[in-house]
Amino acid sequence: MADAFHTIGIFAKRNDTGVARTLAGLTTDLLARGKTVYIDDHHEAADYGVRACPREALGAACDLIVVVGGDGTLLDAGRTVAADGTPLLGINLGRLGFMVDVLPDDMKATLDDVFAGHYIAESRLMLSAWVRRAGHATHDAPLPAINECVIRNQAFARVLDFDTYMNGDFISHHRADGMVVATPTGSTAYALSGGGPVLHPGLNALALVPICPHTLSDRPLIVDGQHEIEIRVAGSLDGSALFTSDGQVTRALEAGDSVVMSRADHDLRLIHPPGYDYFNILRNKLHWGRGQQVPKL
């Protein structure tokens, strides 16, 4: 819908002076368009002539969030605002730029398209995780994940013994460095490095990918995204294990702890510029596949 975005939030990479130039250009452009603009409170709003807003409140306050940074910044922003249903548009100042797909030089033209209603919108499955100890959750709210949840031994080069369950039914016992439970979005991240498959982002599915399993037959497993996955750490754990969400949120695990993961009750909403092509991103960012063969005349 044209002109659907009136209040714009900016979620920018922390502790990086390199974002200032892009932020200055972005805020100047948005204010010239007559938009109400908020910037997350990790940056000085007065430097850009806009309003400050706590990161946790940006989603509720804004119609659109513009993320300035790399994929890690978008993951941080997504976990923070996704529950409010606010879409995210990513400006790439990172290295890979797999999810933040607008170059700074293309920013103004992309905003022209977006505010005219010309964009591609999509929803991405997210995970919610609970760490349980002695049958009780160790935290008050679920831990969200966009890419993956990882359980692994905290000790370097030590295998972890754990069991996997789906909807309470036993799947298998594992001896491995750990396990990646990845969404389709995360299937091209840590899970891919661990030998997992690429899942199209439109799928309602999860990938369970063992990390360096001790047994050759312990291979990745794809399950329906509506299933609840539980990983139970062995009671004989020597030391401690670690839970991570998107490589950014961590919780220590003790012997006998379990992590219960299921599809979140909200998705991540993304906006892409016209012409966005997922397979083109795969080819150009991950060097997957080949380009089309043009026949010789």
C-alpha atoms as a PDB file:
ATOM      1  CA  MET A   1       0.000   0.000   0.000  1.00  0.00           C
ATOM      2  CA  ALA A   2       1.399   3.386  -0.986  1.00  0.00           C
ATOM      3  CA  ASP A   3       2.391   5.803   1.800  1.00  0.00           C
ATOM      4  CA  ALA A   4       1.636   3.237   4.514  1.00  0.00           C
ATOM      5  CA  PHE A   5       4.734   4.154   6.519  1.00  0.00           C
ATOM      6  CA  HIS A   6       4.543   7.473   8.364  1.00  0.00           C
ATOM      7  CA  THR A   7       6.628   6.855  11.482  1.00  0.00           C
ATOM      8  CA  ILE A   8      10.048   5.379  10.817  1.00  0.00           C
ATOM      9  CA  GLY A   9      12.344   3.832  13.388  1.00  0.00           C
ATOM     10  CA  ILE A  10      16.084   3.459  12.863  1.00  0.00           C
ATOM     11  CA  PHE A  11      17.897   0.565  14.499  1.00  0.00           C
ATOM     12  CA  ALA A  12      21.635   0.979  13.915  1.00  0.00           C
ATOM     13  CA  LYS A  13      24.765  -0.994  14.633  1.00  0.00           C
ATOM     14  CA  ARG A  14      26.182  -0.288  18.074  1.00  0.00           C
ATOM     15  CA  ASN A  15      29.651   1.025  18.886  1.00  0.00           C
ATOM     16  CA  ASP A  16      30.561   1.708  15.278  1.00  0.00           C
ATOM     17  CA  THR A  17      31.419   5.253  14.241  1.00  0.00           C
ATOM     18  CA  GLY A  18      31.290   4.102  10.614  1.00  0.00           C
ATOM     19  CA  VAL A  19      27.487   4.221  10.618  1.00  0.00           C
ATOM     20  CA  ALA A  20      27.320   7.989  11.232  1.00  0.00           C
ATOM     21  CA  ARG A  21      27.561   9.026   7.583  1.00  0.00           C
ATOM     22  CA  THR A  22      24.812   6.638   6.487  1.00  0.00           C
ATOM     23  CA  LEU A  23      22.634   7.670   9.440  1.00  0.00           C
ATOM     24  CA  ALA A  24      23.044  11.330   8.556  1.00  0.00           C
ATOM     25  CA  GLY A  25      21.998  10.723   4.963  1.00  0.00           C
ATOM     26  CA  LEU A  26      19.097   8.499   5.984  1.00  0.00           C
ATOM     27  CA  THR A  27      17.660  10.843   8.612  1.00  0.00           C
ATOM     28  CA  THR A  28      18.002  13.878   6.336  1.00  0.00           C
ATOM     29  CA  ASP A  29      16.145  12.045   3.573  1.00  0.00           C
ATOM     30  CA  LEU A  30      13.361  10.807   5.850  1.00  0.00           C
ATOM     31  CA  LEU A  31      12.806  14.221   7.458  1.00  0.00           C
ATOM     32  CA  ALA A  32      12.675  15.840   4.003  1.00  0.00           C
ATOM     33  CA  ARG A  33       9.872  13.410   3.155  1.00  0.00           C
ATOM     34  CA  GLY A  34       7.895  14.634   6.171  1.00  0.00           C
ATOM     35  CA  LYS A  35       8.294  11.416   8.140  1.00  0.00           C
ATOM     36  CA  THR A  36       8.355  11.200  11.919  1.00  0.00           C
ATOM     37  CA  VAL A  37      11.694   9.593  12.728  1.00  0.00           C
ATOM     38  CA  TYR A  38      12.916   7.799  15.853  1.00  0.00           C
ATOM     39  CA  ILE A  39      16.397   6.389  16.398  1.00  0.00           C
ATOM     40  CA  ASP A  40      17.304   3.746  18.957  1.00  0.00           C
ATOM     41  CA  ASP A  41      18.717   5.099  22.199  1.00  0.00           C
ATOM     42  CA  HIS A  42      22.192   3.681  21.598  1.00  0.00           C
ATOM     43  CA  HIS A  43      22.755   6.665  19.311  1.00  0.00           C
ATOM     44  CA  GLU A  44      22.542  10.409  19.909  1.00  0.00           C
ATOM     45  CA  ALA A  45      19.237  11.522  18.423  1.00  0.00           C
ATOM     46  CA  ALA A  46      20.253  15.182  18.674  1.00  0.00           C
ATOM     47  CA  ASP A  47      23.118  14.569  16.253  1.00  0.00           C
ATOM     48  CA  TYR A  48      20.592  13.757  13.541  1.00  0.00           C
ATOM     49  CA  GLY A  49      17.673  16.034  14.464  1.00  0.00           C
ATOM     50  CA  VAL A  50      15.336  13.139  15.248  1.00  0.00           C
ATOM     51  CA  ARG A  51      13.745  11.647  18.368  1.00  0.00           C
ATOM     52  CA  ALA A  52      15.258   9.033  20.660  1.00  0.00           C
ATOM     53  CA  CYS A  53      13.385   5.841  21.523  1.00  0.00           C
ATOM     54  CA  PRO A  54      14.335   2.782  23.596  1.00  0.00           C
ATOM     55  CA  ARG A  55      15.113  -0.157  21.327  1.00  0.00           C
ATOM     56  CA  GLU A  56      12.423  -2.280  22.980  1.00  0.00           C
ATOM     57  CA  ALA A  57       9.770   0.365  22.189  1.00  0.00           C
ATOM     58  CA  LEU A  58      10.650   1.031  18.548  1.00  0.00           C
ATOM     59  CA  GLY A  59       8.395  -1.684  17.165  1.00  0.00           C
ATOM     60  CA  ALA A  60       5.274  -0.386  18.894  1.00  0.00           C
ATOM     61  CA  ALA A  61       6.067   3.247  18.072  1.00  0.00           C
ATOM     62  CA  CYS A  62       6.845   2.863  14.367  1.00  0.00           C
ATOM     63  CA  ASP A  63       5.306   1.660  11.095  1.00  0.00           C
ATOM     64  CA  LEU A  64       8.661   0.620   9.624  1.00  0.00           C
ATOM     65  CA  ILE A  65      12.102  -0.115  11.061  1.00  0.00           C
ATOM     66  CA  VAL A  66      15.164   0.666   8.938  1.00  0.00           C
ATOM     67  CA  VAL A  67      18.135  -1.379  10.105  1.00  0.00           C
ATOM     68  CA  VAL A  68      21.567   0.151   9.451  1.00  0.00           C
ATOM     69  CA  GLY A  69      24.403  -2.350   9.860  1.00  0.00           C
ATOM     70  CA  GLY A  70      25.042  -5.956   8.995  1.00  0.00           C
ATOM     71  CA  ASP A  71      23.127  -9.204   9.320  1.00  0.00           C
ATOM     72  CA  GLY A  72      23.932  -9.336  13.033  1.00  0.00           C
ATOM     73  CA  THR A  73      22.290  -5.956  13.554  1.00  0.00           C
ATOM     74  CA  LEU A  74      19.194  -7.155  11.729  1.00  0.00           C
ATOM     75  CA  LEU A  75      19.029 -10.275  13.916  1.00  0.00           C
ATOM     76  CA  ASP A  76      19.263  -8.082  17.014  1.00  0.00           C
ATOM     77  CA  ALA A  77      16.578  -5.745  15.689  1.00  0.00           C
ATOM     78  CA  GLY A  78      14.323  -8.594  14.600  1.00  0.00           C
ATOM     79  CA  ARG A  79      14.332 -10.314  17.978  1.00  0.00           C
ATOM     80  CA  THR A  80      13.589  -6.952  19.604  1.00  0.00           C
ATOM     81  CA  VAL A  81      10.668  -5.740  17.465  1.00  0.00           C
ATOM     82  CA  ALA A  82       9.202  -8.782  15.683  1.00  0.00           C
ATOM     83  CA  ALA A  83       6.495  -9.349  18.292  1.00  0.00           C
ATOM     84  CA  ASP A  84       5.015  -5.950  17.374  1.00  0.00           C
ATOM     85  CA  GLY A  85       4.635  -7.019  13.735  1.00  0.00           C
ATOM     86  CA  THR A  86       6.653  -4.068  12.444  1.00  0.00           C
ATOM     87  CA  PRO A  87       8.462  -4.782   9.142  1.00  0.00           C
ATOM     88  CA  LEU A  88      12.219  -4.319   8.765  1.00  0.00           C
ATOM     89  CA  LEU A  89      14.205  -2.937   5.837  1.00  0.00           C
ATOM     90  CA  GLY A  90      17.961  -3.501   5.952  1.00  0.00           C
ATOM     91  CA  ILE A  91      20.727  -1.113   4.808  1.00  0.00           C
ATOM     92  CA  ASN A  92      23.920  -3.132   4.437  1.00  0.00           C
ATOM     93  CA  LEU A  93      27.041  -1.840   6.194  1.00  0.00           C
ATOM     94  CA  GLY A  94      28.287  -5.320   7.069  1.00  0.00           C
ATOM     95  CA  ARG A  95      30.435  -7.924   5.360  1.00  0.00           C
ATOM     96  CA  LEU A  96      28.010 -10.478   3.923  1.00  0.00           C
ATOM     97  CA  GLY A  97      24.708  -8.622   3.736  1.00  0.00           C
ATOM     98  CA  PHE A  98      22.596 -11.727   3.302  1.00  0.00           C
ATOM     99  CA  MET A  99      19.527 -10.272   5.028  1.00  0.00           C
ATOM    100  CA  VAL A 100      20.299  -6.552   4.849  1.00  0.00           C
ATOM    101  CA  ASP A 101      20.072  -6.267   1.097  1.00  0.00           C
ATOM    102  CA  VAL A 102      20.072  -2.528   0.299  1.00  0.00           C
ATOM    103  CA  LEU A 103      23.393  -0.842  -0.446  1.00  0.00           C
ATOM    104  CA  PRO A 104      23.858   2.683   0.980  1.00  0.00           C
ATOM    105  CA  ASP A 105      24.189   4.080  -2.556  1.00  0.00           C
ATOM    106  CA  ASP A 106      20.771   2.601  -3.401  1.00  0.00           C
ATOM    107  CA  MET A 107      19.093   3.785  -0.194  1.00  0.00           C
ATOM    108  CA  LYS A 108      17.269   6.836  -1.571  1.00  0.00           C
ATOM    109  CA  ALA A 109      15.959   5.005  -4.655  1.00  0.00           C
ATOM    110  CA  THR A 110      14.805   2.092  -2.484  1.00  0.00           C
ATOM    111  CA  LEU A 111      12.958   4.432  -0.121  1.00  0.00           C
ATOM    112  CA  ASP A 112      11.288   6.037  -3.144  1.00  0.00           C
ATOM    113  CA  ASP A 113       9.993   2.592  -4.115  1.00  0.00           C
ATOM    114  CA  VAL A 114       9.003   1.554  -0.607  1.00  0.00           C
ATOM    115  CA  PHE A 115       7.038   4.727   0.132  1.00  0.00           C
ATOM    116  CA  ALA A 116       5.327   4.387  -3.258  1.00  0.00           C
ATOM    117  CA  GLY A 117       4.219   0.889  -2.272  1.00  0.00           C
ATOM    118  CA  HIS A 118       6.632  -0.928  -4.571  1.00  0.00           C
ATOM    119  CA  TYR A 119       8.391  -3.569  -2.496  1.00  0.00           C
ATOM    120  CA  ILE A 120       8.436  -7.279  -1.716  1.00  0.00           C
ATOM    121  CA  ALA A 121       7.162  -8.287   1.721  1.00  0.00           C
ATOM    122  CA  GLU A 122       7.750 -11.641   3.343  1.00  0.00           C
ATOM    123  CA  SER A 123       7.393 -13.369   6.697  1.00  0.00           C
ATOM    124  CA  ARG A 124      10.081 -15.561   8.236  1.00  0.00           C
ATOM    125  CA  LEU A 125       9.493 -18.275  10.809  1.00  0.00           C
ATOM    126  CA  MET A 126      11.005 -17.582  14.250  1.00  0.00           C
ATOM    127  CA  LEU A 127      11.738 -19.833  17.203  1.00  0.00           C
ATOM    128  CA  SER A 128      10.925 -19.445  20.886  1.00  0.00           C
ATOM    129  CA  ALA A 129      13.092 -21.317  23.374  1.00  0.00           C
ATOM    130  CA  TRP A 130      12.813 -22.149  27.064  1.00  0.00           C
ATOM    131  CA  VAL A 131      15.663 -23.395  29.211  1.00  0.00           C
ATOM    132  CA  ARG A 132      14.313 -25.759  31.868  1.00  0.00           C
ATOM    133  CA  ARG A 133      16.042 -26.924  35.053  1.00  0.00           C
ATOM    134  CA  ALA A 134      14.433 -29.516  37.280  1.00  0.00           C
ATOM    135  CA  GLY A 135      11.276 -29.092  35.198  1.00  0.00           C
ATOM    136  CA  HIS A 136      11.018 -25.322  35.650  1.00  0.00           C
ATOM    137  CA  ALA A 137      11.911 -22.486  33.286  1.00  0.00           C
ATOM    138  CA  THR A 138      15.005 -20.522  34.254  1.00  0.00           C
ATOM    139  CA  HIS A 139      13.701 -17.260  32.721  1.00  0.00           C
ATOM    140  CA  ASP A 140      10.425 -15.337  32.634  1.00  0.00           C
ATOM    141  CA  ALA A 141      10.000 -14.909  28.865  1.00  0.00           C
ATOM    142  CA  PRO A 142      10.833 -17.124  25.895  1.00  0.00           C
ATOM    143  CA  LEU A 143      14.170 -16.569  24.184  1.00  0.00           C
ATOM    144  CA  PRO A 144      13.496 -15.674  20.518  1.00  0.00           C
ATOM    145  CA  ALA A 145      15.675 -16.794  17.618  1.00  0.00           C
ATOM    146  CA  ILE A 146      15.591 -15.856  13.940  1.00  0.00           C
ATOM    147  CA  ASN A 147      18.477 -17.997  12.658  1.00  0.00           C
ATOM    148  CA  GLU A 148      18.994 -20.808  15.114  1.00  0.00           C
ATOM    149  CA  CYS A 149      19.214 -22.152  18.617  1.00  0.00           C
ATOM    150  CA  VAL A 150      22.468 -23.931  19.456  1.00  0.00           C
ATOM    151  CA  ILE A 151      23.268 -26.261  22.336  1.00  0.00           C
ATOM    152  CA  ARG A 152      26.909 -27.231  22.732  1.00  0.00           C
ATOM    153  CA  ASN A 153      29.561 -28.148  25.288  1.00  0.00           C
ATOM    154  CA  GLN A 154      31.120 -25.056  26.808  1.00  0.00           C
ATOM    155  CA  ALA A 155      34.481 -26.786  27.097  1.00  0.00           C
ATOM    156  CA  PHE A 156      36.693 -26.589  24.026  1.00  0.00           C
ATOM    157  CA  ALA A 157      37.007 -29.823  22.017  1.00  0.00           C
ATOM    158  CA  ARG A 158      34.802 -31.844  24.383  1.00  0.00           C
ATOM    159  CA  VAL A 159      31.820 -33.847  23.146  1.00  0.00           C
ATOM    160  CA  LEU A 160      28.392 -33.399  24.644  1.00  0.00           C
ATOM    161  CA  ASP A 161      25.971 -36.232  25.431  1.00  0.00           C
ATOM    162  CA  PHE A 162      22.330 -35.292  24.875  1.00  0.00           C
ATOM    163  CA  ASP A 163      18.974 -36.661  23.746  1.00  0.00           C
ATOM    164  CA  THR A 164      16.541 -35.174  21.242  1.00  0.00           C
ATOM    165  CA  TYR A 165      12.725 -35.374  21.405  1.00  0.00           C
ATOM    166  CA  MET A 166       9.909 -34.232  19.129  1.00  0.00           C
ATOM    167  CA  ASN A 167       6.530 -33.561  20.749  1.00  0.00           C
ATOM    168  CA  GLY A 168       7.723 -35.651  23.686  1.00  0.00           C
ATOM    169  CA  ASP A 169       8.704 -38.657  21.541  1.00  0.00           C
ATOM    170  CA  PHE A 170      12.316 -39.786  21.735  1.00  0.00           C
ATOM    171  CA  ILE A 171      14.319 -39.242  18.532  1.00  0.00           C
ATOM    172  CA  SER A 172      17.882 -40.230  19.325  1.00  0.00           C
ATOM    173  CA  HIS A 173      20.827 -40.100  21.685  1.00  0.00           C
ATOM    174  CA  HIS A 174      23.754 -38.032  20.434  1.00  0.00           C
ATOM    175  CA  ARG A 175      27.444 -37.651  21.164  1.00  0.00           C
ATOM    176  CA  ALA A 176      28.605 -34.526  19.359  1.00  0.00           C
ATOM    177  CA  ASP A 177      29.968 -31.055  19.914  1.00  0.00           C
ATOM    178  CA  GLY A 178      26.354 -29.963  20.028  1.00  0.00           C
ATOM    179  CA  MET A 179      23.208 -29.420  17.973  1.00  0.00           C
ATOM    180  CA  VAL A 180      21.920 -26.599  15.772  1.00  0.00           C
ATOM    181  CA  VAL A 181      18.143 -26.201  15.520  1.00  0.00           C
ATOM    182  CA  ALA A 182      17.768 -23.869  12.555  1.00  0.00           C
ATOM    183  CA  THR A 183      14.896 -22.030  10.914  1.00  0.00           C
ATOM    184  CA  PRO A 184      14.817 -21.766   7.111  1.00  0.00           C
ATOM    185  CA  THR A 185      16.395 -18.322   7.508  1.00  0.00           C
ATOM    186  CA  GLY A 186      19.188 -19.836   9.591  1.00  0.00           C
ATOM    187  CA  SER A 187      19.689 -22.808   7.284  1.00  0.00           C
ATOM    188  CA  THR A 188      22.236 -20.716   5.359  1.00  0.00           C
ATOM    189  CA  ALA A 189      24.164 -19.784   8.522  1.00  0.00           C
ATOM    190  CA  TYR A 190      25.749 -22.036  11.178  1.00  0.00           C
ATOM    191  CA  ALA A 191      23.638 -25.023  10.138  1.00  0.00           C
ATOM    192  CA  LEU A 192      24.969 -24.850   6.579  1.00  0.00           C
ATOM    193  CA  SER A 193      28.554 -24.832   7.848  1.00  0.00           C
ATOM    194  CA  GLY A 194      27.688 -27.960   9.851  1.00  0.00           C
ATOM    195  CA  GLY A 195      26.535 -29.833   6.737  1.00  0.00           C
ATOM    196  CA  GLY A 196      22.838 -29.012   6.902  1.00  0.00           C
ATOM    197  CA  PRO A 197      20.649 -28.368   3.839  1.00  0.00           C
ATOM    198  CA  VAL A 198      19.447 -25.037   2.490  1.00  0.00           C
ATOM    199  CA  LEU A 199      15.756 -24.573   3.319  1.00  0.00           C
ATOM    200  CA  HIS A 200      13.736 -22.116   1.280  1.00  0.00           C
ATOM    201  CA  PRO A 201      12.598 -19.278   3.607  1.00  0.00           C
ATOM    202  CA  GLY A 202       8.940 -19.895   2.742  1.00  0.00           C
ATOM    203  CA  LEU A 203       8.987 -23.369   4.306  1.00  0.00           C
ATOM    204  CA  ASN A 204       7.394 -24.166   7.655  1.00  0.00           C
ATOM    205  CA  ALA A 205      10.251 -26.440   8.694  1.00  0.00           C
ATOM    206  CA  LEU A 206      13.178 -26.801  11.080  1.00  0.00           C
ATOM    207  CA  ALA A 207      16.595 -28.370  10.536  1.00  0.00           C
ATOM    208  CA  LEU A 208      18.248 -30.356  13.338  1.00  0.00           C
ATOM    209  CA  VAL A 209      21.953 -30.417  12.491  1.00  0.00           C
ATOM    210  CA  PRO A 210      24.445 -32.220  14.777  1.00  0.00           C
ATOM    211  CA  ILE A 211      27.757 -30.395  15.204  1.00  0.00           C
ATOM    212  CA  CYS A 212      30.700 -32.726  14.502  1.00  0.00           C
ATOM    213  CA  PRO A 213      28.864 -35.916  15.602  1.00  0.00           C
ATOM    214  CA  HIS A 214      30.909 -38.813  16.949  1.00  0.00           C
ATOM    215  CA  THR A 215      28.846 -41.261  14.864  1.00  0.00           C
ATOM    216  CA  LEU A 216      28.864 -41.046  11.071  1.00  0.00           C
ATOM    217  CA  SER A 217      25.175 -42.007  10.880  1.00  0.00           C
ATOM    218  CA  ASP A 218      24.114 -39.006  12.997  1.00  0.00           C
ATOM    219  CA  ARG A 219      22.913 -36.853  10.108  1.00  0.00           C
ATOM    220  CA  PRO A 220      20.726 -33.711   9.808  1.00  0.00           C
ATOM    221  CA  LEU A 221      16.972 -34.131  10.205  1.00  0.00           C
ATOM    222  CA  ILE A 222      14.214 -31.918   8.756  1.00  0.00           C
ATOM    223  CA  VAL A 223      10.920 -31.700  10.661  1.00  0.00           C
ATOM    224  CA  ASP A 224       7.697 -29.745  10.347  1.00  0.00           C
ATOM    225  CA  GLY A 225       7.938 -26.302  11.907  1.00  0.00           C
ATOM    226  CA  GLN A 226       4.882 -26.863  14.074  1.00  0.00           C
ATOM    227  CA  HIS A 227       6.610 -29.589  16.086  1.00  0.00           C
ATOM    228  CA  GLU A 228       8.110 -28.941  19.516  1.00  0.00           C
ATOM    229  CA  ILE A 229      11.763 -29.926  19.777  1.00  0.00           C
ATOM    230  CA  GLU A 230      13.421 -30.700  23.095  1.00  0.00           C
ATOM    231  CA  ILE A 231      17.098 -31.321  23.767  1.00  0.00           C
ATOM    232  CA  ARG A 232      17.997 -32.858  27.133  1.00  0.00           C
ATOM    233  CA  VAL A 233      21.567 -32.588  28.338  1.00  0.00           C
ATOM    234  CA  ALA A 234      22.876 -35.779  29.967  1.00  0.00           C
ATOM    235  CA  GLY A 235      22.887 -35.874  33.729  1.00  0.00           C
ATOM    236  CA  SER A 236      26.521 -36.976  33.670  1.00  0.00           C
ATOM    237  CA  LEU A 237      27.747 -33.749  32.056  1.00  0.00           C
ATOM    238  CA  ASP A 238      31.329 -32.957  33.028  1.00  0.00           C
ATOM    239  CA  GLY A 239      31.401 -29.171  33.310  1.00  0.00           C
ATOM    240  CA  SER A 240      28.685 -27.088  31.662  1.00  0.00           C
ATOM    241  CA  ALA A 241      26.988 -26.641  28.325  1.00  0.00           C
ATOM    242  CA  LEU A 242      25.817 -23.500  26.595  1.00  0.00           C
ATOM    243  CA  PHE A 243      22.626 -22.371  24.868  1.00  0.00           C
ATOM    244  CA  THR A 244      22.875 -19.583  22.281  1.00  0.00           C
ATOM    245  CA  SER A 245      20.235 -17.788  20.236  1.00  0.00           C
ATOM    246  CA  ASP A 246      21.498 -16.360  16.921  1.00  0.00           C
ATOM    247  CA  GLY A 247      24.998 -16.381  18.405  1.00  0.00           C
ATOM    248  CA  GLN A 248      24.040 -13.285  20.436  1.00  0.00           C
ATOM    249  CA  VAL A 249      22.004 -14.421  23.461  1.00  0.00           C
ATOM    250  CA  THR A 250      23.521 -17.046  25.770  1.00  0.00           C
ATOM    251  CA  ARG A 251      22.435 -19.119  28.761  1.00  0.00           C
ATOM    252  CA  ALA A 252      24.589 -21.571  30.709  1.00  0.00           C
ATOM    253  CA  LEU A 253      23.256 -25.140  30.905  1.00  0.00           C
ATOM    254  CA  GLU A 254      23.892 -27.614  33.679  1.00  0.00           C
ATOM    255  CA  ALA A 255      23.719 -31.409  33.758  1.00  0.00           C
ATOM    256  CA  GLY A 256      20.112 -32.549  33.267  1.00  0.00           C
ATOM    257  CA  ASP A 257      18.897 -29.232  31.851  1.00  0.00           C
ATOM    258  CA  SER A 258      16.693 -29.226  28.769  1.00  0.00           C
ATOM    259  CA  VAL A 259      15.938 -26.697  26.042  1.00  0.00           C
ATOM    260  CA  VAL A 260      12.435 -26.696  24.553  1.00  0.00           C
ATOM    261  CA  MET A 261      12.031 -24.971  21.183  1.00  0.00           C
ATOM    262  CA  SER A 262       8.929 -24.330  19.094  1.00  0.00           C
ATOM    263  CA  ARG A 263       7.719 -21.963  16.424  1.00  0.00           C
ATOM    264  CA  ALA A 264       7.152 -18.502  17.877  1.00  0.00           C
ATOM    265  CA  ASP A 265       3.636 -17.099  17.902  1.00  0.00           C
ATOM    266  CA  HIS A 266       4.814 -14.303  15.597  1.00  0.00           C
ATOM    267  CA  ASP A 267       6.969 -14.175  12.468  1.00  0.00           C
ATOM    268  CA  LEU A 268       9.676 -11.788  11.411  1.00  0.00           C
ATOM    269  CA  ARG A 269       8.395  -9.375   8.759  1.00  0.00           C
ATOM    270  CA  LEU A 270      10.892  -8.199   6.152  1.00  0.00           C
ATOM    271  CA  ILE A 271      10.677  -5.730   3.286  1.00  0.00           C
ATOM    272  CA  HIS A 272      12.879  -6.060   0.217  1.00  0.00           C
ATOM    273  CA  PRO A 273      13.358  -3.684  -2.720  1.00  0.00           C
ATOM    274  CA  PRO A 274      11.714  -4.518  -6.056  1.00  0.00           C
ATOM    275  CA  GLY A 275      13.632  -7.186  -7.901  1.00  0.00           C
ATOM    276  CA  TYR A 276      14.695  -9.043  -4.764  1.00  0.00           C
ATOM    277  CA  ASP A 277      15.524 -12.654  -5.677  1.00  0.00           C
ATOM    278  CA  TYR A 278      16.405 -15.181  -2.950  1.00  0.00           C
ATOM    279  CA  PHE A 279      18.272 -17.480  -5.330  1.00  0.00           C
ATOM    280  CA  ASN A 280      20.251 -14.556  -6.699  1.00  0.00           C
ATOM    281  CA  ILE A 281      21.315 -13.803  -3.110  1.00  0.00           C
ATOM    282  CA  LEU A 282      22.408 -17.435  -2.696  1.00  0.00           C
ATOM    283  CA  ARG A 283      24.452 -17.328  -5.875  1.00  0.00           C
ATOM    284  CA  ASN A 284      26.125 -13.995  -5.233  1.00  0.00           C
ATOM    285  CA  LYS A 285      26.618 -14.078  -1.465  1.00  0.00           C
ATOM    286  CA  LEU A 286      27.298 -17.784  -0.862  1.00  0.00           C
ATOM    287  CA  HIS A 287      28.529 -18.690  -4.359  1.00  0.00           C
ATOM    288  CA  TRP A 288      25.847 -21.391  -4.528  1.00  0.00           C
ATOM    289  CA  GLY A 289      24.960 -22.794  -7.934  1.00  0.00           C
ATOM    290  CA  ARG A 290      25.683 -21.049 -11.208  1.00  0.00           C
ATOM    291  CA  GLY A 291      24.243 -18.296 -13.333  1.00  0.00           C
ATOM    292  CA  GLN A 292      22.031 -18.962 -16.315  1.00  0.00           C
ATOM    293  CA  GLN A 293      23.724 -20.260 -19.428  1.00  0.00           C
ATOM    294  CA  VAL A 294      23.220 -17.851 -22.330  1.00  0.00           C
ATOM    295  CA  PRO A 295      23.226 -19.709 -25.650  1.00  0.00           C
ATOM    296  CA  LYS A 296      25.693 -18.541 -28.254  1.00  0.00           C
ATOM    297  CA  LEU A 297      24.195 -16.986 -31.384  1.00  0.00           C
END
